[in-house]
Amino acid sequence: CNPAATDGSDTLVSHDSPDIPMTYEEAKIEAMNLVCQLNVVFRYKQSETGLNKLKSRMPKLFEDLCFYSDVCYMMGEYDFRINARKFVQMLFNSLDISQMEAEARNILSPGITP
């Protein structure tokens, strides 16, 4: 995992203060960085806390099917521990995957409606 948004040192760029405005794209980058950091044992708790804060500040991010897909792809590329995988799935528990399921059904069985 190679986090994209660092400040040049080994620390994460963080917007912990609610006074600092964060764009949707900045939130996506920070969330992806924090997910990557879940794979580092001594940063797990810090990353978990950061992701929970980010979810409370920007819940729509964790309802974005495309972002979920990006996170799943990245987690598939690296060996994440089961507790990290479970935590990430819990973050996306409010995600509506019905659109993705319908598209998968159409690809697997074209012309058949449920």
PDB file of N, CA and C in Angstrom:
ATOM      1  N   CYS A   1       0.847  -1.178   0.000  1.00  0.00           N
ATOM      2  CA  CYS A   1       0.000   0.000   0.000  1.00  0.00           C
ATOM      3  C   CYS A   1       0.890   1.237   0.000  1.00  0.00           C
ATOM      4  N   ASN A   2       0.611   2.137  -0.879  1.00  0.00           N
ATOM      5  CA  ASN A   2       1.430   3.337  -0.976  1.00  0.00           C
ATOM      6  C   ASN A   2       0.533   4.558  -0.864  1.00  0.00           C
ATOM      7  N   PRO A   3       0.374   5.127   0.332  1.00  0.00           N
ATOM      8  CA  PRO A   3      -0.500   6.281   0.493  1.00  0.00           C
ATOM      9  C   PRO A   3      -0.084   7.430  -0.416  1.00  0.00           C
ATOM     10  N   ALA A   4      -1.071   8.072  -1.030  1.00  0.00           N
ATOM     11  CA  ALA A   4      -0.794   9.144  -1.983  1.00  0.00           C
ATOM     12  C   ALA A   4      -0.639  10.507  -1.332  1.00  0.00           C
ATOM     13  N   ALA A   5      -1.266  10.727  -0.209  1.00  0.00           N
ATOM     14  CA  ALA A   5      -1.253  12.067   0.377  1.00  0.00           C
ATOM     15  C   ALA A   5      -0.495  12.096   1.690  1.00  0.00           C
ATOM     16  N   THR A   6       0.796  12.259   1.605  1.00  0.00           N
ATOM     17  CA  THR A   6       1.579  12.475   2.809  1.00  0.00           C
ATOM     18  C   THR A   6       2.223  13.829   2.691  1.00  0.00           C
ATOM     19  N   ASP A   7       2.695  14.331   3.788  1.00  0.00           N
ATOM     20  CA  ASP A   7       3.282  15.660   3.791  1.00  0.00           C
ATOM     21  C   ASP A   7       4.783  15.629   3.548  1.00  0.00           C
ATOM     22  N   GLY A   8       5.286  14.546   2.993  1.00  0.00           N
ATOM     23  CA  GLY A   8       6.709  14.434   2.739  1.00  0.00           C
ATOM     24  C   GLY A   8       7.419  13.662   3.830  1.00  0.00           C
ATOM     25  N   SER A   9       6.854  13.610   5.013  1.00  0.00           N
ATOM     26  CA  SER A   9       7.422  12.791   6.082  1.00  0.00           C
ATOM     27  C   SER A   9       6.655  11.485   6.106  1.00  0.00           C
ATOM     28  N   ASP A  10       6.788  10.731   7.161  1.00  0.00           N
ATOM     29  CA  ASP A  10       6.101   9.466   7.262  1.00  0.00           C
ATOM     30  C   ASP A  10       4.769   9.610   7.984  1.00  0.00           C
ATOM     31  N   THR A  11       4.323  10.841   8.225  1.00  0.00           N
ATOM     32  CA  THR A  11       3.060  11.052   8.925  1.00  0.00           C
ATOM     33  C   THR A  11       1.957  11.348   7.930  1.00  0.00           C
ATOM     34  N   LEU A  12       0.741  11.054   8.338  1.00  0.00           N
ATOM     35  CA  LEU A  12      -0.414  11.304   7.485  1.00  0.00           C
ATOM     36  C   LEU A  12      -0.802  12.774   7.501  1.00  0.00           C
ATOM     37  N   VAL A  13      -1.261  13.265   6.361  1.00  0.00           N
ATOM     38  CA  VAL A  13      -1.856  14.587   6.331  1.00  0.00           C
ATOM     39  C   VAL A  13      -3.255  14.408   6.892  1.00  0.00           C
ATOM     40  N   SER A  14      -3.575  15.140   7.922  1.00  0.00           N
ATOM     41  CA  SER A  14      -4.852  14.933   8.589  1.00  0.00           C
ATOM     42  C   SER A  14      -5.595  16.243   8.755  1.00  0.00           C
ATOM     43  N   HIS A  15      -6.899  16.153   8.657  1.00  0.00           N
ATOM     44  CA  HIS A  15      -7.777  17.308   8.858  1.00  0.00           C
ATOM     45  C   HIS A  15      -8.661  17.008  10.057  1.00  0.00           C
ATOM     46  N   ASP A  16      -8.042  16.836  11.217  1.00  0.00           N
ATOM     47  CA  ASP A  16      -8.807  16.482  12.409  1.00  0.00           C
ATOM     48  C   ASP A  16      -9.720  17.602  12.880  1.00  0.00           C
ATOM     49  N   SER A  17      -9.351  18.845  12.596  1.00  0.00           N
ATOM     50  CA  SER A  17     -10.142  19.971  13.055  1.00  0.00           C
ATOM     51  C   SER A  17     -11.402  20.116  12.208  1.00  0.00           C
ATOM     52  N   PRO A  18     -12.570  20.171  12.825  1.00  0.00           N
ATOM     53  CA  PRO A  18     -13.798  20.349  12.061  1.00  0.00           C
ATOM     54  C   PRO A  18     -13.888  21.730  11.413  1.00  0.00           C
ATOM     55  N   ASP A  19     -13.012  22.664  11.822  1.00  0.00           N
ATOM     56  CA  ASP A  19     -13.023  24.001  11.244  1.00  0.00           C
ATOM     57  C   ASP A  19     -12.394  24.043   9.857  1.00  0.00           C
ATOM     58  N   ILE A  20     -11.547  23.061   9.538  1.00  0.00           N
ATOM     59  CA  ILE A  20     -10.888  23.035   8.240  1.00  0.00           C
ATOM     60  C   ILE A  20     -11.800  22.356   7.236  1.00  0.00           C
ATOM     61  N   PRO A  21     -12.225  23.095   6.191  1.00  0.00           N
ATOM     62  CA  PRO A  21     -13.098  22.473   5.199  1.00  0.00           C
ATOM     63  C   PRO A  21     -12.354  21.387   4.427  1.00  0.00           C
ATOM     64  N   MET A  22     -13.055  20.307   4.124  1.00  0.00           N
ATOM     65  CA  MET A  22     -12.464  19.205   3.381  1.00  0.00           C
ATOM     66  C   MET A  22     -13.364  18.908   2.189  1.00  0.00           C
ATOM     67  N   THR A  23     -12.776  18.853   0.997  1.00  0.00           N
ATOM     68  CA  THR A  23     -13.563  18.517  -0.183  1.00  0.00           C
ATOM     69  C   THR A  23     -13.806  17.014  -0.216  1.00  0.00           C
ATOM     70  N   TYR A  24     -14.710  16.603  -1.073  1.00  0.00           N
ATOM     71  CA  TYR A  24     -15.018  15.186  -1.227  1.00  0.00           C
ATOM     72  C   TYR A  24     -13.781  14.425  -1.699  1.00  0.00           C
ATOM     73  N   GLU A  25     -13.046  14.996  -2.644  1.00  0.00           N
ATOM     74  CA  GLU A  25     -11.832  14.352  -3.159  1.00  0.00           C
ATOM     75  C   GLU A  25     -10.758  14.234  -2.081  1.00  0.00           C
ATOM     76  N   GLU A  26     -10.601  15.267  -1.272  1.00  0.00           N
ATOM     77  CA  GLU A  26      -9.632  15.206  -0.169  1.00  0.00           C
ATOM     78  C   GLU A  26     -10.029  14.115   0.821  1.00  0.00           C
ATOM     79  N   ALA A  27     -11.322  14.001   1.071  1.00  0.00           N
ATOM     80  CA  ALA A  27     -11.808  12.976   1.997  1.00  0.00           C
ATOM     81  C   ALA A  27     -11.545  11.580   1.439  1.00  0.00           C
ATOM     82  N   LYS A  28     -11.734  11.400   0.123  1.00  0.00           N
ATOM     83  CA  LYS A  28     -11.450  10.107  -0.495  1.00  0.00           C
ATOM     84  C   LYS A  28      -9.980   9.738  -0.356  1.00  0.00           C
ATOM     85  N   ILE A  29      -9.105  10.706  -0.601  1.00  0.00           N
ATOM     86  CA  ILE A  29      -7.665  10.454  -0.494  1.00  0.00           C
ATOM     87  C   ILE A  29      -7.294  10.107   0.942  1.00  0.00           C
ATOM     88  N   GLU A  30      -7.805  10.886   1.875  1.00  0.00           N
ATOM     89  CA  GLU A  30      -7.486  10.621   3.283  1.00  0.00           C
ATOM     90  C   GLU A  30      -8.038   9.265   3.717  1.00  0.00           C
ATOM     91  N   ALA A  31      -9.255   8.941   3.311  1.00  0.00           N
ATOM     92  CA  ALA A  31      -9.840   7.651   3.681  1.00  0.00           C
ATOM     93  C   ALA A  31      -9.020   6.500   3.106  1.00  0.00           C
ATOM     94  N   MET A  32      -8.596   6.621   1.864  1.00  0.00           N
ATOM     95  CA  MET A  32      -7.794   5.560   1.259  1.00  0.00           C
ATOM     96  C   MET A  32      -6.448   5.418   1.982  1.00  0.00           C
ATOM     97  N   ASN A  33      -5.852   6.534   2.356  1.00  0.00           N
ATOM     98  CA  ASN A  33      -4.606   6.493   3.130  1.00  0.00           C
ATOM     99  C   ASN A  33      -4.815   5.785   4.466  1.00  0.00           C
ATOM    100  N   LEU A  34      -5.913   6.122   5.124  1.00  0.00           N
ATOM    101  CA  LEU A  34      -6.195   5.510   6.423  1.00  0.00           C
ATOM    102  C   LEU A  34      -6.474   4.019   6.288  1.00  0.00           C
ATOM    103  N   VAL A  35      -7.156   3.622   5.224  1.00  0.00           N
ATOM    104  CA  VAL A  35      -7.390   2.199   4.976  1.00  0.00           C
ATOM    105  C   VAL A  35      -6.049   1.492   4.773  1.00  0.00           C
ATOM    106  N   CYS A  36      -5.153   2.106   4.002  1.00  0.00           N
ATOM    107  CA  CYS A  36      -3.818   1.526   3.807  1.00  0.00           C
ATOM    108  C   CYS A  36      -3.097   1.364   5.143  1.00  0.00           C
ATOM    109  N   GLN A  37      -3.242   2.329   6.007  1.00  0.00           N
ATOM    110  CA  GLN A  37      -2.557   2.293   7.295  1.00  0.00           C
ATOM    111  C   GLN A  37      -3.124   1.228   8.237  1.00  0.00           C
ATOM    112  N   LEU A  38      -4.322   0.721   7.944  1.00  0.00           N
ATOM    113  CA  LEU A  38      -4.875  -0.379   8.744  1.00  0.00           C
ATOM    114  C   LEU A  38      -3.993  -1.615   8.643  1.00  0.00           C
ATOM    115  N   ASN A  39      -3.196  -1.684   7.604  1.00  0.00           N
ATOM    116  CA  ASN A  39      -2.323  -2.823   7.382  1.00  0.00           C
ATOM    117  C   ASN A  39      -1.016  -2.725   8.160  1.00  0.00           C
ATOM    118  N   VAL A  40      -0.801  -1.589   8.840  1.00  0.00           N
ATOM    119  CA  VAL A  40       0.403  -1.376   9.638  1.00  0.00           C
ATOM    120  C   VAL A  40       0.004  -1.550  11.107  1.00  0.00           C
ATOM    121  N   VAL A  41       0.544  -2.569  11.745  1.00  0.00           N
ATOM    122  CA  VAL A  41       0.110  -2.958  13.091  1.00  0.00           C
ATOM    123  C   VAL A  41       0.130  -1.786  14.070  1.00  0.00           C
ATOM    124  N   PHE A  42       1.219  -1.041  14.103  1.00  0.00           N
ATOM    125  CA  PHE A  42       1.314   0.025  15.109  1.00  0.00           C
ATOM    126  C   PHE A  42       0.525   1.271  14.727  1.00  0.00           C
ATOM    127  N   ARG A  43      -0.125   1.303  13.567  1.00  0.00           N
ATOM    128  CA  ARG A  43      -0.981   2.432  13.179  1.00  0.00           C
ATOM    129  C   ARG A  43      -2.453   2.044  13.079  1.00  0.00           C
ATOM    130  N   TYR A  44      -2.776   0.808  13.393  1.00  0.00           N
ATOM    131  CA  TYR A  44      -4.144   0.322  13.226  1.00  0.00           C
ATOM    132  C   TYR A  44      -5.158   1.149  14.003  1.00  0.00           C
ATOM    133  N   LYS A  45      -4.944   1.321  15.298  1.00  0.00           N
ATOM    134  CA  LYS A  45      -5.910   2.053  16.135  1.00  0.00           C
ATOM    135  C   LYS A  45      -6.057   3.496  15.681  1.00  0.00           C
ATOM    136  N   GLN A  46      -4.947   4.153  15.350  1.00  0.00           N
ATOM    137  CA  GLN A  46      -4.985   5.539  14.869  1.00  0.00           C
ATOM    138  C   GLN A  46      -5.788   5.619  13.565  1.00  0.00           C
ATOM    139  N   SER A  47      -5.583   4.668  12.683  1.00  0.00           N
ATOM    140  CA  SER A  47      -6.302   4.664  11.401  1.00  0.00           C
ATOM    141  C   SER A  47      -7.785   4.377  11.603  1.00  0.00           C
ATOM    142  N   GLU A  48      -8.094   3.445  12.506  1.00  0.00           N
ATOM    143  CA  GLU A  48      -9.483   3.117  12.816  1.00  0.00           C
ATOM    144  C   GLU A  48     -10.214   4.354  13.349  1.00  0.00           C
ATOM    145  N   THR A  49      -9.561   5.055  14.266  1.00  0.00           N
ATOM    146  CA  THR A  49     -10.143   6.283  14.832  1.00  0.00           C
ATOM    147  C   THR A  49     -10.330   7.338  13.752  1.00  0.00           C
ATOM    148  N   GLY A  50      -9.329   7.503  12.894  1.00  0.00           N
ATOM    149  CA  GLY A  50      -9.417   8.481  11.806  1.00  0.00           C
ATOM    150  C   GLY A  50     -10.538   8.171  10.836  1.00  0.00           C
ATOM    151  N   LEU A  51     -10.717   6.904  10.504  1.00  0.00           N
ATOM    152  CA  LEU A  51     -11.802   6.516   9.597  1.00  0.00           C
ATOM    153  C   LEU A  51     -13.171   6.736  10.235  1.00  0.00           C
ATOM    154  N   ASN A  52     -13.303   6.445  11.517  1.00  0.00           N
ATOM    155  CA  ASN A  52     -14.574   6.703  12.205  1.00  0.00           C
ATOM    156  C   ASN A  52     -14.894   8.192  12.228  1.00  0.00           C
ATOM    157  N   LYS A  53     -13.887   9.027  12.480  1.00  0.00           N
ATOM    158  CA  LYS A  53     -14.097  10.484  12.458  1.00  0.00           C
ATOM    159  C   LYS A  53     -14.489  10.949  11.064  1.00  0.00           C
ATOM    160  N   LEU A  54     -13.802  10.413  10.069  1.00  0.00           N
ATOM    161  CA  LEU A  54     -14.095  10.792   8.688  1.00  0.00           C
ATOM    162  C   LEU A  54     -15.506  10.382   8.297  1.00  0.00           C
ATOM    163  N   LYS A  55     -15.932   9.205   8.746  1.00  0.00           N
ATOM    164  CA  LYS A  55     -17.293   8.752   8.443  1.00  0.00           C
ATOM    165  C   LYS A  55     -18.331   9.655   9.101  1.00  0.00           C
ATOM    166  N   SER A  56     -18.042  10.126  10.309  1.00  0.00           N
ATOM    167  CA  SER A  56     -19.006  11.007  10.973  1.00  0.00           C
ATOM    168  C   SER A  56     -19.040  12.386  10.307  1.00  0.00           C
ATOM    169  N   ARG A  57     -17.919  12.829   9.762  1.00  0.00           N
ATOM    170  CA  ARG A  57     -17.862  14.128   9.078  1.00  0.00           C
ATOM    171  C   ARG A  57     -18.400  14.073   7.654  1.00  0.00           C
ATOM    172  N   MET A  58     -18.191  12.934   6.966  1.00  0.00           N
ATOM    173  CA  MET A  58     -18.574  12.824   5.570  1.00  0.00           C
ATOM    174  C   MET A  58     -19.190  11.442   5.290  1.00  0.00           C
ATOM    175  N   PRO A  59     -20.395  11.191   5.813  1.00  0.00           N
ATOM    176  CA  PRO A  59     -21.001   9.867   5.676  1.00  0.00           C
ATOM    177  C   PRO A  59     -21.285   9.463   4.233  1.00  0.00           C
ATOM    178  N   LYS A  60     -21.515  10.425   3.350  1.00  0.00           N
ATOM    179  CA  LYS A  60     -21.805  10.112   1.943  1.00  0.00           C
ATOM    180  C   LYS A  60     -20.655   9.372   1.279  1.00  0.00           C
ATOM    181  N   LEU A  61     -19.426   9.637   1.733  1.00  0.00           N
ATOM    182  CA  LEU A  61     -18.263   8.958   1.169  1.00  0.00           C
ATOM    183  C   LEU A  61     -18.379   7.451   1.343  1.00  0.00           C
ATOM    184  N   PHE A  62     -18.917   7.026   2.479  1.00  0.00           N
ATOM    185  CA  PHE A  62     -19.029   5.604   2.773  1.00  0.00           C
ATOM    186  C   PHE A  62     -20.334   5.014   2.248  1.00  0.00           C
ATOM    187  N   GLU A  63     -21.040   5.779   1.421  1.00  0.00           N
ATOM    188  CA  GLU A  63     -22.217   5.300   0.705  1.00  0.00           C
ATOM    189  C   GLU A  63     -21.974   5.348  -0.796  1.00  0.00           C
ATOM    190  N   ASP A  64     -20.742   5.639  -1.192  1.00  0.00           N
ATOM    191  CA  ASP A  64     -20.339   5.766  -2.594  1.00  0.00           C
ATOM    192  C   ASP A  64     -19.883   4.404  -3.114  1.00  0.00           C
ATOM    193  N   LEU A  65     -20.646   3.841  -4.037  1.00  0.00           N
ATOM    194  CA  LEU A  65     -20.362   2.516  -4.572  1.00  0.00           C
ATOM    195  C   LEU A  65     -19.013   2.467  -5.296  1.00  0.00           C
ATOM    196  N   CYS A  66     -18.662   3.533  -6.007  1.00  0.00           N
ATOM    197  CA  CYS A  66     -17.380   3.569  -6.719  1.00  0.00           C
ATOM    198  C   CYS A  66     -16.208   3.593  -5.736  1.00  0.00           C
ATOM    199  N   PHE A  67     -16.332   4.368  -4.664  1.00  0.00           N
ATOM    200  CA  PHE A  67     -15.271   4.412  -3.664  1.00  0.00           C
ATOM    201  C   PHE A  67     -15.139   3.053  -2.983  1.00  0.00           C
ATOM    202  N   TYR A  68     -16.278   2.434  -2.672  1.00  0.00           N
ATOM    203  CA  TYR A  68     -16.262   1.097  -2.067  1.00  0.00           C
ATOM    204  C   TYR A  68     -15.525   0.113  -2.978  1.00  0.00           C
ATOM    205  N   SER A  69     -15.801   0.200  -4.262  1.00  0.00           N
ATOM    206  CA  SER A  69     -15.138  -0.664  -5.230  1.00  0.00           C
ATOM    207  C   SER A  69     -13.631  -0.426  -5.237  1.00  0.00           C
ATOM    208  N   ASP A  70     -13.216   0.840  -5.178  1.00  0.00           N
ATOM    209  CA  ASP A  70     -11.786   1.169  -5.138  1.00  0.00           C
ATOM    210  C   ASP A  70     -11.124   0.594  -3.883  1.00  0.00           C
ATOM    211  N   VAL A  71     -11.806   0.731  -2.754  1.00  0.00           N
ATOM    212  CA  VAL A  71     -11.268   0.209  -1.490  1.00  0.00           C
ATOM    213  C   VAL A  71     -11.151  -1.313  -1.556  1.00  0.00           C
ATOM    214  N   CYS A  72     -12.186  -1.972  -2.072  1.00  0.00           N
ATOM    215  CA  CYS A  72     -12.158  -3.434  -2.176  1.00  0.00           C
ATOM    216  C   CYS A  72     -11.044  -3.899  -3.104  1.00  0.00           C
ATOM    217  N   TYR A  73     -10.862  -3.192  -4.214  1.00  0.00           N
ATOM    218  CA  TYR A  73      -9.785  -3.544  -5.139  1.00  0.00           C
ATOM    219  C   TYR A  73      -8.426  -3.434  -4.446  1.00  0.00           C
ATOM    220  N   MET A  74      -8.221  -2.311  -3.763  1.00  0.00           N
ATOM    221  CA  MET A  74      -6.950  -2.089  -3.075  1.00  0.00           C
ATOM    222  C   MET A  74      -6.730  -3.149  -1.993  1.00  0.00           C
ATOM    223  N   MET A  75      -7.764  -3.486  -1.247  1.00  0.00           N
ATOM    224  CA  MET A  75      -7.622  -4.496  -0.205  1.00  0.00           C
ATOM    225  C   MET A  75      -7.365  -5.877  -0.802  1.00  0.00           C
ATOM    226  N   GLY A  76      -7.821  -6.102  -2.019  1.00  0.00           N
ATOM    227  CA  GLY A  76      -7.554  -7.362  -2.699  1.00  0.00           C
ATOM    228  C   GLY A  76      -6.124  -7.472  -3.195  1.00  0.00           C
ATOM    229  N   GLU A  77      -5.485  -6.346  -3.388  1.00  0.00           N
ATOM    230  CA  GLU A  77      -4.104  -6.330  -3.883  1.00  0.00           C
ATOM    231  C   GLU A  77      -3.081  -6.586  -2.780  1.00  0.00           C
ATOM    232  N   TYR A  78      -3.461  -6.377  -1.542  1.00  0.00           N
ATOM    233  CA  TYR A  78      -2.538  -6.499  -0.414  1.00  0.00           C
ATOM    234  C   TYR A  78      -3.101  -7.460   0.624  1.00  0.00           C
ATOM    235  N   ASP A  79      -2.245  -7.967   1.469  1.00  0.00           N
ATOM    236  CA  ASP A  79      -2.649  -8.919   2.503  1.00  0.00           C
ATOM    237  C   ASP A  79      -3.069  -8.183   3.771  1.00  0.00           C
ATOM    238  N   PHE A  80      -4.362  -7.869   3.862  1.00  0.00           N
ATOM    239  CA  PHE A  80      -4.899  -7.221   5.059  1.00  0.00           C
ATOM    240  C   PHE A  80      -5.353  -8.286   6.040  1.00  0.00           C
ATOM    241  N   ARG A  81      -5.190  -8.008   7.292  1.00  0.00           N
ATOM    242  CA  ARG A  81      -5.652  -8.930   8.332  1.00  0.00           C
ATOM    243  C   ARG A  81      -7.182  -8.935   8.354  1.00  0.00           C
ATOM    244  N   ILE A  82      -7.721 -10.018   8.876  1.00  0.00           N
ATOM    245  CA  ILE A  82      -9.177 -10.181   8.888  1.00  0.00           C
ATOM    246  C   ILE A  82      -9.869  -9.089   9.702  1.00  0.00           C
ATOM    247  N   ASN A  83      -9.258  -8.638  10.803  1.00  0.00           N
ATOM    248  CA  ASN A  83      -9.911  -7.589  11.606  1.00  0.00           C
ATOM    249  C   ASN A  83      -9.976  -6.277  10.824  1.00  0.00           C
ATOM    250  N   ALA A  84      -8.996  -5.986   9.996  1.00  0.00           N
ATOM    251  CA  ALA A  84      -9.032  -4.779   9.167  1.00  0.00           C
ATOM    252  C   ALA A  84     -10.116  -4.908   8.102  1.00  0.00           C
ATOM    253  N   ARG A  85     -10.223  -6.081   7.493  1.00  0.00           N
ATOM    254  CA  ARG A  85     -11.248  -6.310   6.460  1.00  0.00           C
ATOM    255  C   ARG A  85     -12.661  -6.191   7.051  1.00  0.00           C
ATOM    256  N   LYS A  86     -12.856  -6.743   8.233  1.00  0.00           N
ATOM    257  CA  LYS A  86     -14.165  -6.648   8.897  1.00  0.00           C
ATOM    258  C   LYS A  86     -14.488  -5.201   9.240  1.00  0.00           C
ATOM    259  N   PHE A  87     -13.497  -4.469   9.720  1.00  0.00           N
ATOM    260  CA  PHE A  87     -13.714  -3.072  10.075  1.00  0.00           C
ATOM    261  C   PHE A  87     -14.117  -2.264   8.846  1.00  0.00           C
ATOM    262  N   VAL A  88     -13.430  -2.471   7.738  1.00  0.00           N
ATOM    263  CA  VAL A  88     -13.755  -1.732   6.506  1.00  0.00           C
ATOM    264  C   VAL A  88     -15.173  -2.082   6.047  1.00  0.00           C
ATOM    265  N   GLN A  89     -15.557  -3.356   6.109  1.00  0.00           N
ATOM    266  CA  GLN A  89     -16.915  -3.732   5.713  1.00  0.00           C
ATOM    267  C   GLN A  89     -17.947  -3.052   6.606  1.00  0.00           C
ATOM    268  N   MET A  90     -17.640  -2.929   7.896  1.00  0.00           N
ATOM    269  CA  MET A  90     -18.548  -2.259   8.826  1.00  0.00           C
ATOM    270  C   MET A  90     -18.700  -0.775   8.466  1.00  0.00           C
ATOM    271  N   LEU A  91     -17.619  -0.150   7.993  1.00  0.00           N
ATOM    272  CA  LEU A  91     -17.700   1.264   7.606  1.00  0.00           C
ATOM    273  C   LEU A  91     -18.708   1.485   6.483  1.00  0.00           C
ATOM    274  N   PHE A  92     -18.821   0.502   5.603  1.00  0.00           N
ATOM    275  CA  PHE A  92     -19.697   0.622   4.439  1.00  0.00           C
ATOM    276  C   PHE A  92     -21.041  -0.085   4.651  1.00  0.00           C
ATOM    277  N   ASN A  93     -21.450  -0.286   5.912  1.00  0.00           N
ATOM    278  CA  ASN A  93     -22.679  -1.030   6.188  1.00  0.00           C
ATOM    279  C   ASN A  93     -23.944  -0.339   5.676  1.00  0.00           C
ATOM    280  N   SER A  94     -23.905   0.950   5.424  1.00  0.00           N
ATOM    281  CA  SER A  94     -25.090   1.648   4.916  1.00  0.00           C
ATOM    282  C   SER A  94     -25.085   1.771   3.397  1.00  0.00           C
ATOM    283  N   LEU A  95     -24.131   1.135   2.751  1.00  0.00           N
ATOM    284  CA  LEU A  95     -24.009   1.177   1.291  1.00  0.00           C
ATOM    285  C   LEU A  95     -25.138   0.390   0.638  1.00  0.00           C
ATOM    286  N   ASP A  96     -25.775   0.990  -0.366  1.00  0.00           N
ATOM    287  CA  ASP A  96     -26.838   0.320  -1.107  1.00  0.00           C
ATOM    288  C   ASP A  96     -26.202  -0.366  -2.321  1.00  0.00           C
ATOM    289  N   ILE A  97     -26.096  -1.688  -2.263  1.00  0.00           N
ATOM    290  CA  ILE A  97     -25.446  -2.404  -3.353  1.00  0.00           C
ATOM    291  C   ILE A  97     -26.447  -3.011  -4.338  1.00  0.00           C
ATOM    292  N   SER A  98     -27.704  -2.635  -4.243  1.00  0.00           N
ATOM    293  CA  SER A  98     -28.727  -3.204  -5.124  1.00  0.00           C
ATOM    294  C   SER A  98     -28.450  -2.891  -6.594  1.00  0.00           C
ATOM    295  N   GLN A  99     -27.932  -1.714  -6.888  1.00  0.00           N
ATOM    296  CA  GLN A  99     -27.600  -1.349  -8.266  1.00  0.00           C
ATOM    297  C   GLN A  99     -26.502  -2.265  -8.811  1.00  0.00           C
ATOM    298  N   MET A 100     -25.496  -2.533  -7.990  1.00  0.00           N
ATOM    299  CA  MET A 100     -24.400  -3.402  -8.400  1.00  0.00           C
ATOM    300  C   MET A 100     -24.897  -4.836  -8.580  1.00  0.00           C
ATOM    301  N   GLU A 101     -25.764  -5.290  -7.705  1.00  0.00           N
ATOM    302  CA  GLU A 101     -26.313  -6.645  -7.815  1.00  0.00           C
ATOM    303  C   GLU A 101     -27.145  -6.791  -9.090  1.00  0.00           C
ATOM    304  N   ALA A 102     -27.951  -5.781  -9.405  1.00  0.00           N
ATOM    305  CA  ALA A 102     -28.780  -5.828 -10.611  1.00  0.00           C
ATOM    306  C   ALA A 102     -27.904  -5.869 -11.865  1.00  0.00           C
ATOM    307  N   GLU A 103     -26.850  -5.091 -11.886  1.00  0.00           N
ATOM    308  CA  GLU A 103     -25.954  -5.077 -13.035  1.00  0.00           C
ATOM    309  C   GLU A 103     -25.247  -6.427 -13.188  1.00  0.00           C
ATOM    310  N   ALA A 104     -24.830  -7.010 -12.070  1.00  0.00           N
ATOM    311  CA  ALA A 104     -24.179  -8.328 -12.110  1.00  0.00           C
ATOM    312  C   ALA A 104     -25.145  -9.384 -12.648  1.00  0.00           C
ATOM    313  N   ARG A 105     -26.414  -9.329 -12.203  1.00  0.00           N
ATOM    314  CA  ARG A 105     -27.418 -10.270 -12.693  1.00  0.00           C
ATOM    315  C   ARG A 105     -27.614 -10.127 -14.205  1.00  0.00           C
ATOM    316  N   ASN A 106     -27.651  -8.872 -14.688  1.00  0.00           N
ATOM    317  CA  ASN A 106     -27.817  -8.624 -16.121  1.00  0.00           C
ATOM    318  C   ASN A 106     -26.632  -9.163 -16.923  1.00  0.00           C
ATOM    319  N   ILE A 107     -25.441  -9.063 -16.389  1.00  0.00           N
ATOM    320  CA  ILE A 107     -24.259  -9.564 -17.077  1.00  0.00           C
ATOM    321  C   ILE A 107     -24.270 -11.086 -17.112  1.00  0.00           C
ATOM    322  N   LEU A 108     -24.613 -11.700 -15.968  1.00  0.00           N
ATOM    323  CA  LEU A 108     -24.601 -13.159 -15.884  1.00  0.00           C
ATOM    324  C   LEU A 108     -25.778 -13.820 -16.594  1.00  0.00           C
ATOM    325  N   SER A 109     -26.924 -13.174 -16.585  1.00  0.00           N
ATOM    326  CA  SER A 109     -28.129 -13.737 -17.184  1.00  0.00           C
ATOM    327  C   SER A 109     -28.874 -12.670 -17.949  1.00  0.00           C
ATOM    328  N   PRO A 110     -28.388 -12.250 -19.126  1.00  0.00           N
ATOM    329  CA  PRO A 110     -29.071 -11.178 -19.864  1.00  0.00           C
ATOM    330  C   PRO A 110     -30.498 -11.581 -20.264  1.00  0.00           C
ATOM    331  N   GLY A 111     -31.404 -10.650 -20.125  1.00  0.00           N
ATOM    332  CA  GLY A 111     -32.788 -10.873 -20.517  1.00  0.00           C
ATOM    333  C   GLY A 111     -33.666 -11.502 -19.457  1.00  0.00           C
ATOM    334  N   ILE A 112     -33.094 -11.967 -18.367  1.00  0.00           N
ATOM    335  CA  ILE A 112     -33.876 -12.545 -17.282  1.00  0.00           C
ATOM    336  C   ILE A 112     -34.035 -11.515 -16.185  1.00  0.00           C
ATOM    337  N   THR A 113     -35.289 -11.227 -15.815  1.00  0.00           N
ATOM    338  CA  THR A 113     -35.534 -10.257 -14.740  1.00  0.00           C
ATOM    339  C   THR A 113     -35.884 -11.004 -13.470  1.00  0.00           C
ATOM    340  N   PRO A 114     -35.478 -10.461 -12.330  1.00  0.00           N
ATOM    341  CA  PRO A 114     -35.769 -11.134 -11.043  1.00  0.00           C
ATOM    342  C   PRO A 114     -37.223 -11.105 -10.687  1.00  0.00           C
TER     343      PRO A 114
END
